[in-house]
Structure formats: C-alpha cells, structure tokens
PDB file of N, CA and C in Angstrom:
ATOM      1  N   UNK A   1     -55.606  66.015 -23.488  1.00  0.00           N
ATOM      2  CA  UNK A   1     -56.810  66.616 -24.084  1.00  0.00           C
ATOM      3  C   UNK A   1     -56.803  68.262 -23.417  1.00  0.00           C
ATOM      4  N   UNK A   2     -57.118  69.145 -24.406  1.00  0.00           N
ATOM      5  CA  UNK A   2     -57.053  70.305 -23.713  1.00  0.00           C
ATOM      6  C   UNK A   2     -58.374  70.685 -23.169  1.00  0.00           C
ATOM      7  N   UNK A   3     -58.204  71.607 -22.233  1.00  0.00           N
ATOM      8  CA  UNK A   3     -59.273  71.986 -21.045  1.00  0.00           C
ATOM      9  C   UNK A   3     -59.841  73.314 -21.675  1.00  0.00           C
ATOM     10  N   UNK A   4     -60.915  73.497 -21.077  1.00  0.00           N
ATOM     11  CA  UNK A   4     -61.767  74.964 -21.381  1.00  0.00           C
ATOM     12  C   UNK A   4     -60.969  76.027 -21.497  1.00  0.00           C
ATOM     13  N   UNK A   5     -59.714  76.050 -20.410  1.00  0.00           N
ATOM     14  CA  UNK A   5     -58.966  77.321 -20.440  1.00  0.00           C
ATOM     15  C   UNK A   5     -57.560  77.163 -21.342  1.00  0.00           C
ATOM     16  N   UNK A   6     -57.621  76.111 -21.967  1.00  0.00           N
ATOM     17  CA  UNK A   6     -56.515  75.965 -23.124  1.00  0.00           C
ATOM     18  C   UNK A   6     -55.285  75.164 -22.394  1.00  0.00           C
ATOM     19  N   UNK A   7     -55.290  74.757 -21.184  1.00  0.00           N
ATOM     20  CA  UNK A   7     -54.478  73.592 -20.698  1.00  0.00           C
ATOM     21  C   UNK A   7     -54.554  72.412 -21.248  1.00  0.00           C
ATOM     22  N   UNK A   8     -53.442  71.550 -21.258  1.00  0.00           N
ATOM     23  CA  UNK A   8     -53.575  70.207 -21.829  1.00  0.00           C
ATOM     24  C   UNK A   8     -52.726  69.259 -21.008  1.00  0.00           C
ATOM     25  N   UNK A   9     -53.392  68.406 -20.397  1.00  0.00           N
ATOM     26  CA  UNK A   9     -52.767  67.255 -19.561  1.00  0.00           C
ATOM     27  C   UNK A   9     -51.929  66.222 -20.314  1.00  0.00           C
ATOM     28  N   UNK A  10     -50.661  65.964 -20.047  1.00  0.00           N
ATOM     29  CA  UNK A  10     -50.097  64.961 -20.618  1.00  0.00           C
ATOM     30  C   UNK A  10     -49.274  64.461 -19.415  1.00  0.00           C
ATOM     31  N   UNK A  11     -49.386  63.173 -19.426  1.00  0.00           N
ATOM     32  CA  UNK A  11     -48.762  62.211 -18.307  1.00  0.00           C
ATOM     33  C   UNK A  11     -48.073  61.287 -18.871  1.00  0.00           C
ATOM     34  N   UNK A  12     -47.010  60.502 -18.287  1.00  0.00           N
ATOM     35  CA  UNK A  12     -46.550  59.183 -18.743  1.00  0.00           C
ATOM     36  C   UNK A  12     -47.236  58.208 -19.237  1.00  0.00           C
ATOM     37  N   UNK A  13     -48.463  58.203 -19.126  1.00  0.00           N
ATOM     38  CA  UNK A  13     -49.516  57.129 -19.766  1.00  0.00           C
ATOM     39  C   UNK A  13     -50.357  57.754 -20.855  1.00  0.00           C
ATOM     40  N   UNK A  14     -49.898  58.945 -21.486  1.00  0.00           N
ATOM     41  CA  UNK A  14     -50.558  59.459 -22.517  1.00  0.00           C
ATOM     42  C   UNK A  14     -50.049  58.546 -23.890  1.00  0.00           C
ATOM     43  N   UNK A  15     -50.982  58.027 -24.609  1.00  0.00           N
ATOM     44  CA  UNK A  15     -50.973  57.236 -25.659  1.00  0.00           C
ATOM     45  C   UNK A  15     -50.016  57.779 -26.808  1.00  0.00           C
ATOM     46  N   UNK A  16     -48.988  57.098 -27.132  1.00  0.00           N
ATOM     47  CA  UNK A  16     -48.128  57.716 -28.308  1.00  0.00           C
ATOM     48  C   UNK A  16     -46.672  58.222 -27.759  1.00  0.00           C
ATOM     49  N   UNK A  17     -46.628  58.455 -26.639  1.00  0.00           N
ATOM     50  CA  UNK A  17     -45.381  58.945 -26.107  1.00  0.00           C
ATOM     51  C   UNK A  17     -44.179  57.826 -26.347  1.00  0.00           C
ATOM     52  N   UNK A  18     -42.906  58.224 -26.827  1.00  0.00           N
ATOM     53  CA  UNK A  18     -41.957  57.309 -27.025  1.00  0.00           C
ATOM     54  C   UNK A  18     -41.426  56.635 -25.499  1.00  0.00           C
ATOM     55  N   UNK A  19     -40.738  55.661 -25.795  1.00  0.00           N
ATOM     56  CA  UNK A  19     -39.854  54.970 -24.619  1.00  0.00           C
ATOM     57  C   UNK A  19     -40.437  54.169 -23.769  1.00  0.00           C
ATOM     58  N   UNK A  20     -40.059  54.245 -22.456  1.00  0.00           N
ATOM     59  CA  UNK A  20     -40.810  53.321 -21.507  1.00  0.00           C
ATOM     60  C   UNK A  20     -40.981  53.903 -20.243  1.00  0.00           C
ATOM     61  N   UNK A  21     -42.301  54.313 -19.822  1.00  0.00           N
ATOM     62  CA  UNK A  21     -42.265  54.896 -18.556  1.00  0.00           C
ATOM     63  C   UNK A  21     -42.420  53.542 -17.404  1.00  0.00           C
ATOM     64  N   UNK A  22     -42.304  54.177 -16.051  1.00  0.00           N
ATOM     65  CA  UNK A  22     -42.341  53.165 -15.256  1.00  0.00           C
ATOM     66  C   UNK A  22     -43.912  52.790 -15.160  1.00  0.00           C
ATOM     67  N   UNK A  23     -43.953  51.340 -15.110  1.00  0.00           N
ATOM     68  CA  UNK A  23     -45.605  50.905 -15.137  1.00  0.00           C
ATOM     69  C   UNK A  23     -46.413  51.159 -13.978  1.00  0.00           C
ATOM     70  N   UNK A  24     -45.705  51.866 -12.678  1.00  0.00           N
ATOM     71  CA  UNK A  24     -46.698  51.944 -11.695  1.00  0.00           C
ATOM     72  C   UNK A  24     -47.304  53.377 -11.529  1.00  0.00           C
ATOM     73  N   UNK A  25     -46.904  53.970 -12.534  1.00  0.00           N
ATOM     74  CA  UNK A  25     -47.538  55.736 -12.405  1.00  0.00           C
ATOM     75  C   UNK A  25     -46.955  56.710 -11.779  1.00  0.00           C
ATOM     76  N   UNK A  26     -45.965  56.102 -10.722  1.00  0.00           N
ATOM     77  CA  UNK A  26     -45.295  57.080  -9.953  1.00  0.00           C
ATOM     78  C   UNK A  26     -44.243  57.843 -10.818  1.00  0.00           C
ATOM     79  N   UNK A  27     -44.330  57.697 -11.872  1.00  0.00           N
ATOM     80  CA  UNK A  27     -43.260  58.121 -12.708  1.00  0.00           C
ATOM     81  C   UNK A  27     -43.565  59.322 -13.348  1.00  0.00           C
ATOM     82  N   UNK A  28     -44.504  60.298 -12.427  1.00  0.00           N
ATOM     83  CA  UNK A  28     -44.772  61.504 -13.044  1.00  0.00           C
ATOM     84  C   UNK A  28     -43.579  62.475 -13.676  1.00  0.00           C
ATOM     85  N   UNK A  29     -43.992  63.251 -14.398  1.00  0.00           N
ATOM     86  CA  UNK A  29     -42.968  64.446 -14.719  1.00  0.00           C
ATOM     87  C   UNK A  29     -42.289  65.193 -13.547  1.00  0.00           C
ATOM     88  N   UNK A  30     -41.123  65.507 -13.832  1.00  0.00           N
ATOM     89  CA  UNK A  30     -40.630  66.181 -12.410  1.00  0.00           C
ATOM     90  C   UNK A  30     -41.180  67.449 -12.290  1.00  0.00           C
ATOM     91  N   UNK A  31     -41.639  68.325 -12.886  1.00  0.00           N
ATOM     92  CA  UNK A  31     -42.092  69.402 -12.803  1.00  0.00           C
ATOM     93  C   UNK A  31     -43.153  69.939 -14.061  1.00  0.00           C
ATOM     94  N   UNK A  32     -43.968  71.087 -13.913  1.00  0.00           N
ATOM     95  CA  UNK A  32     -44.611  71.525 -14.923  1.00  0.00           C
ATOM     96  C   UNK A  32     -43.510  72.254 -15.756  1.00  0.00           C
ATOM     97  N   UNK A  33     -43.306  72.126 -16.996  1.00  0.00           N
ATOM     98  CA  UNK A  33     -42.325  72.767 -17.547  1.00  0.00           C
ATOM     99  C   UNK A  33     -42.820  74.045 -18.282  1.00  0.00           C
ATOM    100  N   UNK A  34     -41.921  75.049 -18.342  1.00  0.00           N
ATOM    101  CA  UNK A  34     -42.358  76.246 -18.986  1.00  0.00           C
ATOM    102  C   UNK A  34     -42.802  75.909 -20.477  1.00  0.00           C
ATOM    103  N   UNK A  35     -43.477  76.862 -21.084  1.00  0.00           N
ATOM    104  CA  UNK A  35     -43.707  76.659 -22.487  1.00  0.00           C
ATOM    105  C   UNK A  35     -42.743  77.609 -23.494  1.00  0.00           C
ATOM    106  N   UNK A  36     -41.922  77.170 -24.412  1.00  0.00           N
ATOM    107  CA  UNK A  36     -41.225  77.917 -25.173  1.00  0.00           C
ATOM    108  C   UNK A  36     -41.007  77.255 -26.389  1.00  0.00           C
ATOM    109  N   UNK A  37     -40.914  77.777 -27.614  1.00  0.00           N
ATOM    110  CA  UNK A  37     -40.761  77.631 -28.850  1.00  0.00           C
ATOM    111  C   UNK A  37     -39.447  76.953 -29.036  1.00  0.00           C
ATOM    112  N   UNK A  38     -39.158  75.727 -29.123  1.00  0.00           N
ATOM    113  CA  UNK A  38     -37.757  75.194 -29.244  1.00  0.00           C
ATOM    114  C   UNK A  38     -37.302  75.025 -30.536  1.00  0.00           C
ATOM    115  N   UNK A  39     -38.050  74.901 -31.414  1.00  0.00           N
ATOM    116  CA  UNK A  39     -37.865  74.491 -32.816  1.00  0.00           C
ATOM    117  C   UNK A  39     -38.338  75.652 -33.833  1.00  0.00           C
ATOM    118  N   UNK A  40     -38.547  76.978 -33.212  1.00  0.00           N
ATOM    119  CA  UNK A  40     -38.926  78.037 -34.255  1.00  0.00           C
ATOM    120  C   UNK A  40     -40.203  78.003 -35.218  1.00  0.00           C
ATOM    121  N   UNK A  41     -41.205  77.009 -34.687  1.00  0.00           N
ATOM    122  CA  UNK A  41     -42.370  77.002 -35.832  1.00  0.00           C
ATOM    123  C   UNK A  41     -43.603  77.705 -35.194  1.00  0.00           C
ATOM    124  N   UNK A  42     -43.243  78.631 -34.379  1.00  0.00           N
ATOM    125  CA  UNK A  42     -44.256  79.487 -33.824  1.00  0.00           C
ATOM    126  C   UNK A  42     -45.209  79.162 -32.892  1.00  0.00           C
ATOM    127  N   UNK A  43     -45.151  77.693 -32.569  1.00  0.00           N
ATOM    128  CA  UNK A  43     -45.929  77.044 -31.595  1.00  0.00           C
ATOM    129  C   UNK A  43     -45.239  76.677 -30.113  1.00  0.00           C
ATOM    130  N   UNK A  44     -46.102  76.942 -29.080  1.00  0.00           N
ATOM    131  CA  UNK A  44     -45.271  76.646 -27.654  1.00  0.00           C
ATOM    132  C   UNK A  44     -44.955  75.018 -27.641  1.00  0.00           C
ATOM    133  N   UNK A  45     -43.704  74.722 -27.219  1.00  0.00           N
ATOM    134  CA  UNK A  45     -43.300  73.375 -27.003  1.00  0.00           C
ATOM    135  C   UNK A  45     -42.941  73.459 -25.509  1.00  0.00           C
ATOM    136  N   UNK A  46     -42.930  72.187 -24.956  1.00  0.00           N
ATOM    137  CA  UNK A  46     -42.330  72.016 -23.539  1.00  0.00           C
ATOM    138  C   UNK A  46     -41.390  70.966 -23.444  1.00  0.00           C
ATOM    139  N   UNK A  47     -40.427  70.954 -22.696  1.00  0.00           N
ATOM    140  CA  UNK A  47     -39.335  69.833 -22.040  1.00  0.00           C
ATOM    141  C   UNK A  47     -39.657  69.399 -20.810  1.00  0.00           C
ATOM    142  N   UNK A  48     -40.183  68.281 -20.596  1.00  0.00           N
ATOM    143  CA  UNK A  48     -40.500  67.581 -19.458  1.00  0.00           C
ATOM    144  C   UNK A  48     -39.326  66.760 -19.032  1.00  0.00           C
ATOM    145  N   UNK A  49     -39.183  66.587 -17.954  1.00  0.00           N
ATOM    146  CA  UNK A  49     -38.132  65.561 -17.268  1.00  0.00           C
ATOM    147  C   UNK A  49     -38.873  64.360 -16.697  1.00  0.00           C
ATOM    148  N   UNK A  50     -38.745  63.131 -16.922  1.00  0.00           N
ATOM    149  CA  UNK A  50     -39.131  62.142 -16.138  1.00  0.00           C
ATOM    150  C   UNK A  50     -38.161  61.261 -15.622  1.00  0.00           C
ATOM    151  N   UNK A  51     -37.864  61.479 -14.395  1.00  0.00           N
ATOM    152  CA  UNK A  51     -36.509  60.679 -13.879  1.00  0.00           C
ATOM    153  C   UNK A  51     -36.551  59.388 -13.842  1.00  0.00           C
ATOM    154  N   UNK A  52     -37.716  58.356 -13.824  1.00  0.00           N
ATOM    155  CA  UNK A  52     -37.619  57.008 -13.964  1.00  0.00           C
ATOM    156  C   UNK A  52     -38.114  56.466 -15.195  1.00  0.00           C
ATOM    157  N   UNK A  53     -37.989  57.101 -16.249  1.00  0.00           N
ATOM    158  CA  UNK A  53     -38.617  56.768 -17.787  1.00  0.00           C
ATOM    159  C   UNK A  53     -37.292  55.856 -18.207  1.00  0.00           C
ATOM    160  N   UNK A  54     -37.404  55.107 -19.224  1.00  0.00           N
ATOM    161  CA  UNK A  54     -36.254  54.178 -19.888  1.00  0.00           C
ATOM    162  C   UNK A  54     -35.656  53.443 -18.607  1.00  0.00           C
ATOM    163  N   UNK A  55     -36.416  52.619 -17.977  1.00  0.00           N
ATOM    164  CA  UNK A  55     -36.072  51.688 -16.907  1.00  0.00           C
ATOM    165  C   UNK A  55     -35.076  52.297 -16.075  1.00  0.00           C
ATOM    166  N   UNK A  56     -35.362  53.526 -15.353  1.00  0.00           N
ATOM    167  CA  UNK A  56     -34.769  54.587 -14.441  1.00  0.00           C
ATOM    168  C   UNK A  56     -33.607  55.121 -14.944  1.00  0.00           C
ATOM    169  N   UNK A  57     -33.388  55.457 -15.991  1.00  0.00           N
ATOM    170  CA  UNK A  57     -32.439  56.238 -16.737  1.00  0.00           C
ATOM    171  C   UNK A  57     -32.561  57.284 -16.888  1.00  0.00           C
ATOM    172  N   UNK A  58     -34.174  57.901 -16.845  1.00  0.00           N
ATOM    173  CA  UNK A  58     -34.390  59.207 -17.115  1.00  0.00           C
ATOM    174  C   UNK A  58     -34.278  59.461 -18.310  1.00  0.00           C
ATOM    175  N   UNK A  59     -35.426  60.564 -18.848  1.00  0.00           N
ATOM    176  CA  UNK A  59     -35.685  61.004 -20.213  1.00  0.00           C
ATOM    177  C   UNK A  59     -36.231  62.315 -20.040  1.00  0.00           C
ATOM    178  N   UNK A  60     -35.584  63.108 -21.072  1.00  0.00           N
ATOM    179  CA  UNK A  60     -36.263  64.446 -21.363  1.00  0.00           C
ATOM    180  C   UNK A  60     -37.143  64.120 -22.629  1.00  0.00           C
ATOM    181  N   UNK A  61     -38.456  64.613 -22.457  1.00  0.00           N
ATOM    182  CA  UNK A  61     -39.182  64.480 -23.739  1.00  0.00           C
ATOM    183  C   UNK A  61     -39.645  65.899 -24.009  1.00  0.00           C
ATOM    184  N   UNK A  62     -39.351  66.138 -25.272  1.00  0.00           N
ATOM    185  CA  UNK A  62     -39.603  67.515 -25.748  1.00  0.00           C
ATOM    186  C   UNK A  62     -41.022  67.157 -26.628  1.00  0.00           C
ATOM    187  N   UNK A  63     -42.032  67.941 -25.969  1.00  0.00           N
ATOM    188  CA  UNK A  63     -43.364  67.758 -26.336  1.00  0.00           C
ATOM    189  C   UNK A  63     -43.596  68.898 -27.540  1.00  0.00           C
ATOM    190  N   UNK A  64     -43.873  68.560 -28.814  1.00  0.00           N
ATOM    191  CA  UNK A  64     -43.983  69.621 -29.905  1.00  0.00           C
ATOM    192  C   UNK A  64     -45.214  70.164 -29.809  1.00  0.00           C
ATOM    193  N   UNK A  65     -45.390  71.563 -29.949  1.00  0.00           N
ATOM    194  CA  UNK A  65     -46.858  72.092 -29.829  1.00  0.00           C
ATOM    195  C   UNK A  65     -47.196  72.089 -31.359  1.00  0.00           C
ATOM    196  N   UNK A  66     -48.560  72.119 -31.438  1.00  0.00           N
ATOM    197  CA  UNK A  66     -49.329  72.317 -32.925  1.00  0.00           C
ATOM    198  C   UNK A  66     -50.546  73.407 -32.508  1.00  0.00           C
ATOM    199  N   UNK A  67     -51.173  73.905 -33.810  1.00  0.00           N
ATOM    200  CA  UNK A  67     -52.265  74.504 -33.387  1.00  0.00           C
ATOM    201  C   UNK A  67     -53.284  73.886 -32.573  1.00  0.00           C
ATOM    202  N   UNK A  68     -53.396  72.778 -32.349  1.00  0.00           N
ATOM    203  CA  UNK A  68     -54.455  71.999 -31.467  1.00  0.00           C
ATOM    204  C   UNK A  68     -53.678  71.523 -29.981  1.00  0.00           C
ATOM    205  N   UNK A  69     -52.573  71.905 -29.830  1.00  0.00           N
ATOM    206  CA  UNK A  69     -51.951  71.232 -28.681  1.00  0.00           C
ATOM    207  C   UNK A  69     -50.666  70.567 -28.669  1.00  0.00           C
ATOM    208  N   UNK A  70     -50.449  69.596 -27.856  1.00  0.00           N
ATOM    209  CA  UNK A  70     -49.220  68.831 -28.057  1.00  0.00           C
ATOM    210  C   UNK A  70     -49.648  67.607 -28.745  1.00  0.00           C
ATOM    211  N   UNK A  71     -48.535  67.239 -29.612  1.00  0.00           N
ATOM    212  CA  UNK A  71     -48.937  66.226 -30.479  1.00  0.00           C
ATOM    213  C   UNK A  71     -47.935  64.976 -29.931  1.00  0.00           C
ATOM    214  N   UNK A  72     -48.402  63.977 -29.413  1.00  0.00           N
ATOM    215  CA  UNK A  72     -47.720  62.861 -28.822  1.00  0.00           C
ATOM    216  C   UNK A  72     -46.909  62.049 -29.682  1.00  0.00           C
ATOM    217  N   UNK A  73     -47.346  62.120 -31.224  1.00  0.00           N
ATOM    218  CA  UNK A  73     -46.493  61.501 -32.101  1.00  0.00           C
ATOM    219  C   UNK A  73     -45.347  62.159 -32.596  1.00  0.00           C
ATOM    220  N   UNK A  74     -45.153  63.522 -31.888  1.00  0.00           N
ATOM    221  CA  UNK A  74     -44.227  64.357 -32.605  1.00  0.00           C
ATOM    222  C   UNK A  74     -43.289  64.515 -31.234  1.00  0.00           C
ATOM    223  N   UNK A  75     -43.092  63.836 -30.252  1.00  0.00           N
ATOM    224  CA  UNK A  75     -42.269  63.830 -29.201  1.00  0.00           C
ATOM    225  C   UNK A  75     -41.018  63.272 -29.227  1.00  0.00           C
ATOM    226  N   UNK A  76     -39.887  63.757 -28.906  1.00  0.00           N
ATOM    227  CA  UNK A  76     -38.496  63.466 -29.133  1.00  0.00           C
ATOM    228  C   UNK A  76     -38.292  63.030 -27.669  1.00  0.00           C
ATOM    229  N   UNK A  77     -37.577  62.174 -27.477  1.00  0.00           N
ATOM    230  CA  UNK A  77     -36.920  61.597 -26.521  1.00  0.00           C
ATOM    231  C   UNK A  77     -35.358  61.504 -26.365  1.00  0.00           C
ATOM    232  N   UNK A  78     -34.870  62.262 -25.181  1.00  0.00           N
ATOM    233  CA  UNK A  78     -33.621  62.196 -25.071  1.00  0.00           C
ATOM    234  C   UNK A  78     -33.013  61.979 -23.759  1.00  0.00           C
ATOM    235  N   UNK A  79     -32.232  60.902 -23.594  1.00  0.00           N
ATOM    236  CA  UNK A  79     -31.741  60.530 -22.309  1.00  0.00           C
ATOM    237  C   UNK A  79     -30.769  61.163 -21.656  1.00  0.00           C
ATOM    238  N   UNK A  80     -30.432  61.421 -20.407  1.00  0.00           N
ATOM    239  CA  UNK A  80     -29.457  62.105 -19.874  1.00  0.00           C
ATOM    240  C   UNK A  80     -28.027  61.848 -20.550  1.00  0.00           C
ATOM    241  N   UNK A  81     -27.768  60.606 -20.627  1.00  0.00           N
ATOM    242  CA  UNK A  81     -26.515  60.174 -21.201  1.00  0.00           C
ATOM    243  C   UNK A  81     -26.516  60.797 -22.881  1.00  0.00           C
ATOM    244  N   UNK A  82     -27.427  60.731 -23.693  1.00  0.00           N
ATOM    245  CA  UNK A  82     -27.443  61.370 -24.943  1.00  0.00           C
ATOM    246  C   UNK A  82     -26.959  62.720 -24.619  1.00  0.00           C
ATOM    247  N   UNK A  83     -27.528  63.486 -23.701  1.00  0.00           N
ATOM    248  CA  UNK A  83     -27.159  64.757 -23.624  1.00  0.00           C
ATOM    249  C   UNK A  83     -25.977  65.035 -22.695  1.00  0.00           C
ATOM    250  N   UNK A  84     -25.254  64.134 -22.281  1.00  0.00           N
ATOM    251  CA  UNK A  84     -24.118  64.251 -21.652  1.00  0.00           C
ATOM    252  C   UNK A  84     -24.273  64.757 -19.977  1.00  0.00           C
ATOM    253  N   UNK A  85     -25.642  64.678 -19.864  1.00  0.00           N
ATOM    254  CA  UNK A  85     -25.974  64.926 -18.461  1.00  0.00           C
ATOM    255  C   UNK A  85     -25.799  63.936 -17.339  1.00  0.00           C
ATOM    256  N   UNK A  86     -25.046  63.863 -16.251  1.00  0.00           N
ATOM    257  CA  UNK A  86     -25.202  62.690 -15.593  1.00  0.00           C
ATOM    258  C   UNK A  86     -26.360  62.806 -14.422  1.00  0.00           C
ATOM    259  N   UNK A  87     -26.888  61.596 -14.454  1.00  0.00           N
ATOM    260  CA  UNK A  87     -28.089  61.345 -13.532  1.00  0.00           C
ATOM    261  C   UNK A  87     -27.820  60.101 -12.526  1.00  0.00           C
ATOM    262  N   UNK A  88     -28.193  60.554 -11.149  1.00  0.00           N
ATOM    263  CA  UNK A  88     -27.763  59.820 -10.089  1.00  0.00           C
ATOM    264  C   UNK A  88     -28.911  59.778  -9.263  1.00  0.00           C
ATOM    265  N   UNK A  89     -29.834  58.562  -9.430  1.00  0.00           N
ATOM    266  CA  UNK A  89     -30.768  58.366  -8.281  1.00  0.00           C
ATOM    267  C   UNK A  89     -30.279  57.776  -6.830  1.00  0.00           C
ATOM    268  N   UNK A  90     -30.853  58.271  -6.022  1.00  0.00           N
ATOM    269  CA  UNK A  90     -30.486  57.648  -4.801  1.00  0.00           C
ATOM    270  C   UNK A  90     -31.559  57.019  -4.120  1.00  0.00           C
TER     271      UNK A  90
END
C-alpha cells in the first residue's frame, strides 16, 4: 500500500507474489532495490532479491510499476539458476 510520501512497502508476505517465500518471515528481501524502468513502459520497476525464496534456492522478483504503484500480479520470478547466477548459502 502506498504511503503518504509515495513509498510502497512490499515484503515476502504481500498477497499475489509468485513462488514460495520462507514461512517464518525472516526471508525479507536482501536490500531496498533501486527503481528503474526495466521494460520501457515509463513506470519505475524494481528487482528485489530474496535469498531464501523457493525453498532456499533464492529468487529475483521483478516488481512491475504502474500508475498506482507495484502490481503483485505482474511480478516476474527468476531463480538464480534460470539466470545462470551461482548461489551458495552458508
């Protein structure tokens, strides 16, 4: 939900996100991602990394921006394996 200053909070328990978050909520996104227009539609998007998503495989979530903020139903999930990025959790 957008705040008064235009910020919008999205966390692993936001309704509509694809994939499987860790059920204990300590699977927060790795950092606050920068906003950028990844698909050229004129809206700010974000790519967030969730290290324990998809049963500890990790996932990059591409949050698509709209006039009203991020749309959870338009989020694209990409695993590190799909991107050819090695992920090692110690």
